[in-house]
Amino acid sequence: MNGEKFALGFAVLKGASFLKENVTSLIRSSNGNIFNNWDINLDYHFGGYAKVDEQLLDFVSRFSASTKIPIEPIYTGKMLFGIYNLITKGFFNEVSQIIAIHTGGLQGLKGLADRKTC
């Protein structure tokens, strides 16, 4: 039912506001409905697709070490950084149940490691 749950995505592209329009259009064309219980956060792209900084790399390293869940900084790392940061800012209420979907991308870790050695 519209409004019972809230879905929040995280864009890894800089200047990706067009994604909100695209998703709205896709939803409308698939079932004729308009939903307002979702959003795409545009604030955690770290400069754009495949761009990272030391703060993000440190977060990914600490998260992976403390949870034993491997993540990469291109997709899942940015999303989880965003979730953790939004928690500290009070974006979610205290009784929120947060489900984060790990979308993979781990094959890119080797490419990042190779890039560091060049």
C-alpha atoms as a PDB file:
ATOM      1  CA  MET A   1       0.000   0.000   0.000  1.00  0.00           C
ATOM      2  CA  ASN A   2       1.300   3.475  -0.862  1.00  0.00           C
ATOM      3  CA  GLY A   3       2.938   5.159   2.088  1.00  0.00           C
ATOM      4  CA  GLU A   4       3.284   2.217   4.478  1.00  0.00           C
ATOM      5  CA  LYS A   5       7.007   1.859   3.848  1.00  0.00           C
ATOM      6  CA  PHE A   6       9.608   4.265   2.521  1.00  0.00           C
ATOM      7  CA  ALA A   7      12.284   3.355  -0.026  1.00  0.00           C
ATOM      8  CA  LEU A   8      15.452   5.430  -0.238  1.00  0.00           C
ATOM      9  CA  GLY A   9      18.007   5.014  -2.983  1.00  0.00           C
ATOM     10  CA  PHE A  10      21.460   6.563  -3.216  1.00  0.00           C
ATOM     11  CA  ALA A  11      22.782   7.949  -6.493  1.00  0.00           C
ATOM     12  CA  VAL A  12      26.459   7.323  -7.228  1.00  0.00           C
ATOM     13  CA  LEU A  13      26.344   9.779 -10.134  1.00  0.00           C
ATOM     14  CA  LYS A  14      27.002  13.472  -9.669  1.00  0.00           C
ATOM     15  CA  GLY A  15      24.127  15.619 -10.916  1.00  0.00           C
ATOM     16  CA  ALA A  16      21.735  12.684 -11.016  1.00  0.00           C
ATOM     17  CA  SER A  17      18.479  14.502 -10.273  1.00  0.00           C
ATOM     18  CA  PHE A  18      17.172  13.139 -13.593  1.00  0.00           C
ATOM     19  CA  LEU A  19      16.952   9.725 -11.903  1.00  0.00           C
ATOM     20  CA  LYS A  20      13.979  10.880  -9.829  1.00  0.00           C
ATOM     21  CA  GLU A  21      12.091  11.882 -12.971  1.00  0.00           C
ATOM     22  CA  ASN A  22      13.038   8.618 -14.693  1.00  0.00           C
ATOM     23  CA  VAL A  23      11.827   6.472 -11.792  1.00  0.00           C
ATOM     24  CA  THR A  24       8.591   8.440 -11.505  1.00  0.00           C
ATOM     25  CA  SER A  25       7.980   7.939 -15.210  1.00  0.00           C
ATOM     26  CA  LEU A  26       8.767   4.214 -15.068  1.00  0.00           C
ATOM     27  CA  ILE A  27       6.424   3.670 -12.124  1.00  0.00           C
ATOM     28  CA  ARG A  28       3.635   5.623 -13.773  1.00  0.00           C
ATOM     29  CA  SER A  29       4.026   3.760 -17.083  1.00  0.00           C
ATOM     30  CA  SER A  30       4.103   0.352 -15.386  1.00  0.00           C
ATOM     31  CA  ASN A  31       0.906   0.664 -13.360  1.00  0.00           C
ATOM     32  CA  GLY A  32      -0.543   4.143 -13.817  1.00  0.00           C
ATOM     33  CA  ASN A  33       0.066   5.071 -10.191  1.00  0.00           C
ATOM     34  CA  ILE A  34       2.122   7.801  -8.602  1.00  0.00           C
ATOM     35  CA  PHE A  35       3.830   6.949  -5.334  1.00  0.00           C
ATOM     36  CA  ASN A  36       5.368   9.436  -2.923  1.00  0.00           C
ATOM     37  CA  ASN A  37       6.925   7.009  -0.443  1.00  0.00           C
ATOM     38  CA  TRP A  38      10.371   6.899  -2.049  1.00  0.00           C
ATOM     39  CA  ASP A  39      13.290   9.186  -2.811  1.00  0.00           C
ATOM     40  CA  ILE A  40      16.786   9.110  -4.238  1.00  0.00           C
ATOM     41  CA  ASN A  41      19.430  10.814  -2.129  1.00  0.00           C
ATOM     42  CA  LEU A  42      21.847  12.790  -4.294  1.00  0.00           C
ATOM     43  CA  ASP A  43      24.326  13.781  -1.575  1.00  0.00           C
ATOM     44  CA  TYR A  44      26.655  10.782  -1.260  1.00  0.00           C
ATOM     45  CA  HIS A  45      28.224  10.458  -4.714  1.00  0.00           C
ATOM     46  CA  PHE A  46      31.692  11.551  -3.508  1.00  0.00           C
ATOM     47  CA  GLY A  47      32.354  13.456  -6.706  1.00  0.00           C
ATOM     48  CA  GLY A  48      30.692  11.064  -9.146  1.00  0.00           C
ATOM     49  CA  TYR A  49      30.688   7.546 -10.471  1.00  0.00           C
ATOM     50  CA  ALA A  50      33.785   5.541  -9.461  1.00  0.00           C
ATOM     51  CA  LYS A  51      35.144   8.528  -7.501  1.00  0.00           C
ATOM     52  CA  VAL A  52      36.175   8.019  -3.916  1.00  0.00           C
ATOM     53  CA  ASP A  53      37.990   9.924  -1.217  1.00  0.00           C
ATOM     54  CA  GLU A  54      39.901   8.976   1.928  1.00  0.00           C
ATOM     55  CA  GLN A  55      36.831   9.412   4.150  1.00  0.00           C
ATOM     56  CA  LEU A  56      34.845   6.909   2.088  1.00  0.00           C
ATOM     57  CA  LEU A  57      37.749   4.458   1.802  1.00  0.00           C
ATOM     58  CA  ASP A  58      38.262   4.632   5.574  1.00  0.00           C
ATOM     59  CA  PHE A  59      34.553   3.979   6.160  1.00  0.00           C
ATOM     60  CA  VAL A  60      34.552   0.981   3.789  1.00  0.00           C
ATOM     61  CA  SER A  61      37.623  -0.445   5.494  1.00  0.00           C
ATOM     62  CA  ARG A  62      36.233   0.029   9.018  1.00  0.00           C
ATOM     63  CA  PHE A  63      32.785  -1.317   8.049  1.00  0.00           C
ATOM     64  CA  SER A  64      34.228  -4.431   6.424  1.00  0.00           C
ATOM     65  CA  ALA A  65      36.583  -5.062   9.338  1.00  0.00           C
ATOM     66  CA  SER A  66      33.923  -4.644  12.030  1.00  0.00           C
ATOM     67  CA  THR A  67      31.074  -6.515  10.321  1.00  0.00           C
ATOM     68  CA  LYS A  68      33.057  -9.064   8.275  1.00  0.00           C
ATOM     69  CA  ILE A  69      30.829  -8.051   5.329  1.00  0.00           C
ATOM     70  CA  PRO A  70      32.951  -7.089   2.324  1.00  0.00           C
ATOM     71  CA  ILE A  71      31.806  -3.942   0.539  1.00  0.00           C
ATOM     72  CA  GLU A  72      33.295  -1.771  -2.170  1.00  0.00           C
ATOM     73  CA  PRO A  73      33.353   2.047  -2.350  1.00  0.00           C
ATOM     74  CA  ILE A  74      31.679   2.496  -5.749  1.00  0.00           C
ATOM     75  CA  TYR A  75      28.101   1.403  -4.935  1.00  0.00           C
ATOM     76  CA  THR A  76      27.406  -0.283  -1.604  1.00  0.00           C
ATOM     77  CA  GLY A  77      30.037   1.681   0.309  1.00  0.00           C
ATOM     78  CA  LYS A  78      28.469   4.986  -0.739  1.00  0.00           C
ATOM     79  CA  MET A  79      24.997   3.749   0.189  1.00  0.00           C
ATOM     80  CA  LEU A  80      26.054   2.494   3.612  1.00  0.00           C
ATOM     81  CA  PHE A  81      28.080   5.642   4.281  1.00  0.00           C
ATOM     82  CA  GLY A  82      24.937   7.615   3.445  1.00  0.00           C
ATOM     83  CA  ILE A  83      22.751   5.520   5.731  1.00  0.00           C
ATOM     84  CA  TYR A  84      25.167   5.817   8.645  1.00  0.00           C
ATOM     85  CA  ASN A  85      25.563   9.559   8.061  1.00  0.00           C
ATOM     86  CA  LEU A  86      21.802  10.101   7.867  1.00  0.00           C
ATOM     87  CA  ILE A  87      21.379   8.167  11.127  1.00  0.00           C
ATOM     88  CA  THR A  88      23.775  10.581  12.862  1.00  0.00           C
ATOM     89  CA  LYS A  89      21.809  13.517  11.429  1.00  0.00           C
ATOM     90  CA  GLY A  90      18.490  12.190  12.788  1.00  0.00           C
ATOM     91  CA  PHE A  91      16.982  11.540   9.342  1.00  0.00           C
ATOM     92  CA  PHE A  92      15.433   8.268  10.538  1.00  0.00           C
ATOM     93  CA  ASN A  93      13.241   8.167  13.623  1.00  0.00           C
ATOM     94  CA  GLU A  94      14.274   6.024  16.576  1.00  0.00           C
ATOM     95  CA  VAL A  95      11.913   3.159  15.739  1.00  0.00           C
ATOM     96  CA  SER A  96      12.850   2.948  12.058  1.00  0.00           C
ATOM     97  CA  GLN A  97      13.780  -0.470  10.757  1.00  0.00           C
ATOM     98  CA  ILE A  98      16.383  -0.025   8.043  1.00  0.00           C
ATOM     99  CA  ILE A  99      16.974  -2.660   5.397  1.00  0.00           C
ATOM    100  CA  ALA A 100      20.003  -2.108   3.166  1.00  0.00           C
ATOM    101  CA  ILE A 101      20.411  -4.195   0.043  1.00  0.00           C
ATOM    102  CA  HIS A 102      23.992  -5.140  -0.779  1.00  0.00           C
ATOM    103  CA  THR A 103      23.997  -5.033  -4.564  1.00  0.00           C
ATOM    104  CA  GLY A 104      27.383  -6.629  -5.083  1.00  0.00           C
ATOM    105  CA  GLY A 105      30.105  -4.981  -7.095  1.00  0.00           C
ATOM    106  CA  LEU A 106      32.830  -6.787  -5.194  1.00  0.00           C
ATOM    107  CA  GLN A 107      34.568  -7.753  -8.435  1.00  0.00           C
ATOM    108  CA  GLY A 108      35.577  -4.090  -8.668  1.00  0.00           C
ATOM    109  CA  LEU A 109      37.743  -4.358  -5.556  1.00  0.00           C
ATOM    110  CA  LYS A 110      40.535  -5.999  -7.546  1.00  0.00           C
ATOM    111  CA  GLY A 111      40.451  -3.139 -10.046  1.00  0.00           C
ATOM    112  CA  LEU A 112      40.720  -0.619  -7.221  1.00  0.00           C
ATOM    113  CA  ALA A 113      43.638  -2.532  -5.708  1.00  0.00           C
ATOM    114  CA  ASP A 114      45.385  -2.625  -9.105  1.00  0.00           C
ATOM    115  CA  ARG A 115      44.803   1.115  -9.515  1.00  0.00           C
ATOM    116  CA  LYS A 116      46.551   1.815  -6.190  1.00  0.00           C
ATOM    117  CA  THR A 117      49.672  -0.064  -7.280  1.00  0.00           C
ATOM    118  CA  CYS A 118      50.036   1.833 -10.574  1.00  0.00           C
END
